């Protein structure tokens, strides 16, 4: 979701921009979150 952040208004665009670029490369972003820890895994195919 573009612009989403738990830290307030006007934030949260960084991950959205990364997602756009990863999709341009036919890649994917996965997220796993538990209290106190969030992990993002970015996968892009080898060219």
PDB file of N, CA and C in Angstrom:
ATOM      1  N   UNK A   1       0.850  -1.165   0.000  1.00  0.00           N
ATOM      2  CA  UNK A   1       0.000   0.000   0.000  1.00  0.00           C
ATOM      3  C   UNK A   1       0.907   1.244   0.000  1.00  0.00           C
ATOM      4  N   UNK A   2       0.691   2.105  -0.920  1.00  0.00           N
ATOM      5  CA  UNK A   2       1.514   3.298  -1.043  1.00  0.00           C
ATOM      6  C   UNK A   2       1.272   4.251   0.123  1.00  0.00           C
ATOM      7  N   UNK A   3       2.367   4.684   0.729  1.00  0.00           N
ATOM      8  CA  UNK A   3       2.286   5.683   1.776  1.00  0.00           C
ATOM      9  C   UNK A   3       1.846   5.178   3.129  1.00  0.00           C
ATOM     10  N   UNK A   4       1.777   3.879   3.354  1.00  0.00           N
ATOM     11  CA  UNK A   4       1.347   3.359   4.650  1.00  0.00           C
ATOM     12  C   UNK A   4       2.519   3.352   5.627  1.00  0.00           C
ATOM     13  N   UNK A   5       2.272   3.803   6.825  1.00  0.00           N
ATOM     14  CA  UNK A   5       3.269   3.755   7.885  1.00  0.00           C
ATOM     15  C   UNK A   5       2.564   3.775   9.225  1.00  0.00           C
ATOM     16  N   UNK A   6       3.125   3.060  10.176  1.00  0.00           N
ATOM     17  CA  UNK A   6       2.606   3.127  11.540  1.00  0.00           C
ATOM     18  C   UNK A   6       3.220   4.308  12.277  1.00  0.00           C
ATOM     19  N   UNK A   7       4.123   5.049  11.617  1.00  0.00           N
ATOM     20  CA  UNK A   7       4.831   6.162  12.249  1.00  0.00           C
ATOM     21  C   UNK A   7       4.201   7.520  11.954  1.00  0.00           C
ATOM     22  N   UNK A   8       3.084   7.558  11.234  1.00  0.00           N
ATOM     23  CA  UNK A   8       2.397   8.830  11.014  1.00  0.00           C
ATOM     24  C   UNK A   8       2.259   9.186   9.549  1.00  0.00           C
ATOM     25  N   UNK A   9       1.664  10.335   9.322  1.00  0.00           N
ATOM     26  CA  UNK A   9       1.390  10.833   7.972  1.00  0.00           C
ATOM     27  C   UNK A   9       2.665  11.188   7.216  1.00  0.00           C
ATOM     28  N   UNK A  10       2.577  11.134   5.871  1.00  0.00           N
ATOM     29  CA  UNK A  10       3.682  11.572   5.027  1.00  0.00           C
ATOM     30  C   UNK A  10       4.882  10.652   5.032  1.00  0.00           C
ATOM     31  N   UNK A  11       4.693   9.410   5.408  1.00  0.00           N
ATOM     32  CA  UNK A  11       5.786   8.445   5.480  1.00  0.00           C
ATOM     33  C   UNK A  11       5.370   7.194   4.723  1.00  0.00           C
ATOM     34  N   UNK A  12       6.304   6.256   4.585  1.00  0.00           N
ATOM     35  CA  UNK A  12       5.956   4.962   4.015  1.00  0.00           C
ATOM     36  C   UNK A  12       6.118   4.856   2.512  1.00  0.00           C
ATOM     37  N   UNK A  13       6.756   5.818   1.876  1.00  0.00           N
ATOM     38  CA  UNK A  13       6.919   5.746   0.420  1.00  0.00           C
ATOM     39  C   UNK A  13       8.123   4.917   0.005  1.00  0.00           C
ATOM     40  N   UNK A  14       9.119   4.754   0.847  1.00  0.00           N
ATOM     41  CA  UNK A  14      10.341   4.033   0.487  1.00  0.00           C
ATOM     42  C   UNK A  14      10.085   2.611   0.027  1.00  0.00           C
ATOM     43  N   UNK A  15       9.354   1.847   0.813  1.00  0.00           N
ATOM     44  CA  UNK A  15       9.079   0.461   0.449  1.00  0.00           C
ATOM     45  C   UNK A  15       8.212   0.384  -0.805  1.00  0.00           C
ATOM     46  N   UNK A  16       7.313   1.325  -0.968  1.00  0.00           N
ATOM     47  CA  UNK A  16       6.487   1.354  -2.179  1.00  0.00           C
ATOM     48  C   UNK A  16       7.374   1.515  -3.419  1.00  0.00           C
ATOM     49  N   UNK A  17       8.343   2.406  -3.350  1.00  0.00           N
ATOM     50  CA  UNK A  17       9.254   2.622  -4.479  1.00  0.00           C
ATOM     51  C   UNK A  17      10.103   1.380  -4.753  1.00  0.00           C
ATOM     52  N   UNK A  18      10.563   0.726  -3.697  1.00  0.00           N
ATOM     53  CA  UNK A  18      11.321  -0.521  -3.867  1.00  0.00           C
ATOM     54  C   UNK A  18      10.451  -1.567  -4.536  1.00  0.00           C
ATOM     55  N   UNK A  19       9.210  -1.688  -4.096  1.00  0.00           N
ATOM     56  CA  UNK A  19       8.282  -2.668  -4.682  1.00  0.00           C
ATOM     57  C   UNK A  19       8.090  -2.421  -6.179  1.00  0.00           C
ATOM     58  N   UNK A  20       7.933  -1.152  -6.563  1.00  0.00           N
ATOM     59  CA  UNK A  20       7.776  -0.826  -7.982  1.00  0.00           C
ATOM     60  C   UNK A  20       8.985  -1.283  -8.792  1.00  0.00           C
ATOM     61  N   UNK A  21      10.177  -1.002  -8.291  1.00  0.00           N
ATOM     62  CA  UNK A  21      11.394  -1.369  -9.018  1.00  0.00           C
ATOM     63  C   UNK A  21      11.573  -2.884  -9.085  1.00  0.00           C
ATOM     64  N   UNK A  22      11.278  -3.573  -7.993  1.00  0.00           N
ATOM     65  CA  UNK A  22      11.400  -5.035  -7.974  1.00  0.00           C
ATOM     66  C   UNK A  22      10.424  -5.658  -8.957  1.00  0.00           C
ATOM     67  N   UNK A  23       9.211  -5.149  -9.026  1.00  0.00           N
ATOM     68  CA  UNK A  23       8.232  -5.666  -9.988  1.00  0.00           C
ATOM     69  C   UNK A  23       8.662  -5.406 -11.426  1.00  0.00           C
ATOM     70  N   UNK A  24       9.322  -4.262 -11.664  1.00  0.00           N
ATOM     71  CA  UNK A  24       9.852  -3.958 -12.992  1.00  0.00           C
ATOM     72  C   UNK A  24      10.833  -5.044 -13.435  1.00  0.00           C
ATOM     73  N   UNK A  25      11.531  -5.632 -12.470  1.00  0.00           N
ATOM     74  CA  UNK A  25      12.513  -6.693 -12.744  1.00  0.00           C
ATOM     75  C   UNK A  25      11.889  -8.088 -12.664  1.00  0.00           C
ATOM     76  N   UNK A  26      10.556  -8.168 -12.641  1.00  0.00           N
ATOM     77  CA  UNK A  26       9.820  -9.436 -12.486  1.00  0.00           C
ATOM     78  C   UNK A  26      10.166 -10.148 -11.185  1.00  0.00           C
ATOM     79  N   UNK A  27      10.430  -9.363 -10.159  1.00  0.00           N
ATOM     80  CA  UNK A  27      10.766  -9.918  -8.848  1.00  0.00           C
ATOM     81  C   UNK A  27       9.590  -9.871  -7.901  1.00  0.00           C
ATOM     82  N   UNK A  28       9.881 -10.165  -6.636  1.00  0.00           N
ATOM     83  CA  UNK A  28       8.840 -10.239  -5.620  1.00  0.00           C
ATOM     84  C   UNK A  28       9.422  -9.806  -4.278  1.00  0.00           C
ATOM     85  N   UNK A  29       8.577  -9.277  -3.421  1.00  0.00           N
ATOM     86  CA  UNK A  29       8.948  -8.945  -2.050  1.00  0.00           C
ATOM     87  C   UNK A  29       8.008  -9.699  -1.120  1.00  0.00           C
ATOM     88  N   UNK A  30       8.587 -10.393  -0.154  1.00  0.00           N
ATOM     89  CA  UNK A  30       7.794 -11.087   0.862  1.00  0.00           C
ATOM     90  C   UNK A  30       8.096 -10.435   2.204  1.00  0.00           C
ATOM     91  N   UNK A  31       7.110 -10.406   3.075  1.00  0.00           N
ATOM     92  CA  UNK A  31       7.301  -9.828   4.407  1.00  0.00           C
ATOM     93  C   UNK A  31       6.810 -10.814   5.452  1.00  0.00           C
ATOM     94  N   UNK A  32       7.581 -10.920   6.520  1.00  0.00           N
ATOM     95  CA  UNK A  32       7.178 -11.741   7.656  1.00  0.00           C
ATOM     96  C   UNK A  32       7.365 -10.882   8.896  1.00  0.00           C
ATOM     97  N   UNK A  33       6.313 -10.758   9.688  1.00  0.00           N
ATOM     98  CA  UNK A  33       6.365  -9.864  10.830  1.00  0.00           C
ATOM     99  C   UNK A  33       5.776 -10.529  12.067  1.00  0.00           C
ATOM    100  N   UNK A  34       6.513 -10.392  13.142  1.00  0.00           N
ATOM    101  CA  UNK A  34       6.051 -10.812  14.462  1.00  0.00           C
ATOM    102  C   UNK A  34       6.376  -9.648  15.398  1.00  0.00           C
ATOM    103  N   UNK A  35       5.744  -9.566  16.536  1.00  0.00           N
ATOM    104  CA  UNK A  35       6.043  -8.456  17.434  1.00  0.00           C
ATOM    105  C   UNK A  35       7.553  -8.318  17.698  1.00  0.00           C
ATOM    106  N   UNK A  36       8.073  -7.134  17.412  1.00  0.00           N
ATOM    107  CA  UNK A  36       9.489  -6.867  17.651  1.00  0.00           C
ATOM    108  C   UNK A  36      10.420  -7.183  16.499  1.00  0.00           C
ATOM    109  N   UNK A  37       9.896  -7.760  15.402  1.00  0.00           N
ATOM    110  CA  UNK A  37      10.772  -8.142  14.287  1.00  0.00           C
ATOM    111  C   UNK A  37       9.985  -8.191  12.974  1.00  0.00           C
ATOM    112  N   UNK A  38      10.520  -7.541  11.958  1.00  0.00           N
ATOM    113  CA  UNK A  38       9.937  -7.594  10.622  1.00  0.00           C
ATOM    114  C   UNK A  38      11.049  -7.897   9.644  1.00  0.00           C
ATOM    115  N   UNK A  39      10.807  -8.876   8.761  1.00  0.00           N
ATOM    116  CA  UNK A  39      11.814  -9.295   7.787  1.00  0.00           C
ATOM    117  C   UNK A  39      11.238  -9.210   6.382  1.00  0.00           C
ATOM    118  N   UNK A  40      11.977  -8.539   5.499  1.00  0.00           N
ATOM    119  CA  UNK A  40      11.610  -8.441   4.084  1.00  0.00           C
ATOM    120  C   UNK A  40      12.571  -9.283   3.286  1.00  0.00           C
ATOM    121  N   UNK A  41      12.046 -10.070   2.354  1.00  0.00           N
ATOM    122  CA  UNK A  41      12.869 -10.856   1.448  1.00  0.00           C
ATOM    123  C   UNK A  41      12.571 -10.396   0.029  1.00  0.00           C
ATOM    124  N   UNK A  42      13.612  -9.941  -0.666  1.00  0.00           N
ATOM    125  CA  UNK A  42      13.469  -9.459  -2.029  1.00  0.00           C
ATOM    126  C   UNK A  42      14.089 -10.503  -2.952  1.00  0.00           C
ATOM    127  N   UNK A  43      13.315 -10.949  -3.941  1.00  0.00           N
ATOM    128  CA  UNK A  43      13.798 -11.940  -4.905  1.00  0.00           C
ATOM    129  C   UNK A  43      13.655 -11.369  -6.301  1.00  0.00           C
ATOM    130  N   UNK A  44      14.728 -11.452  -7.086  1.00  0.00           N
ATOM    131  CA  UNK A  44      14.685 -11.066  -8.492  1.00  0.00           C
ATOM    132  C   UNK A  44      15.351 -12.170  -9.298  1.00  0.00           C
ATOM    133  N   UNK A  45      14.814 -12.471 -10.472  1.00  0.00           N
ATOM    134  CA  UNK A  45      15.402 -13.539 -11.278  1.00  0.00           C
ATOM    135  C   UNK A  45      16.771 -13.118 -11.841  1.00  0.00           C
ATOM    136  N   UNK A  46      17.637 -14.101 -12.015  1.00  0.00           N
ATOM    137  CA  UNK A  46      18.918 -13.837 -12.657  1.00  0.00           C
ATOM    138  C   UNK A  46      18.699 -13.512 -14.111  1.00  0.00           C
ATOM    139  N   UNK A  47      19.430 -12.573 -14.610  1.00  0.00           N
ATOM    140  CA  UNK A  47      19.281 -12.169 -16.022  1.00  0.00           C
ATOM    141  C   UNK A  47      20.123 -13.069 -16.900  1.00  0.00           C
TER     142      UNK A  47
END
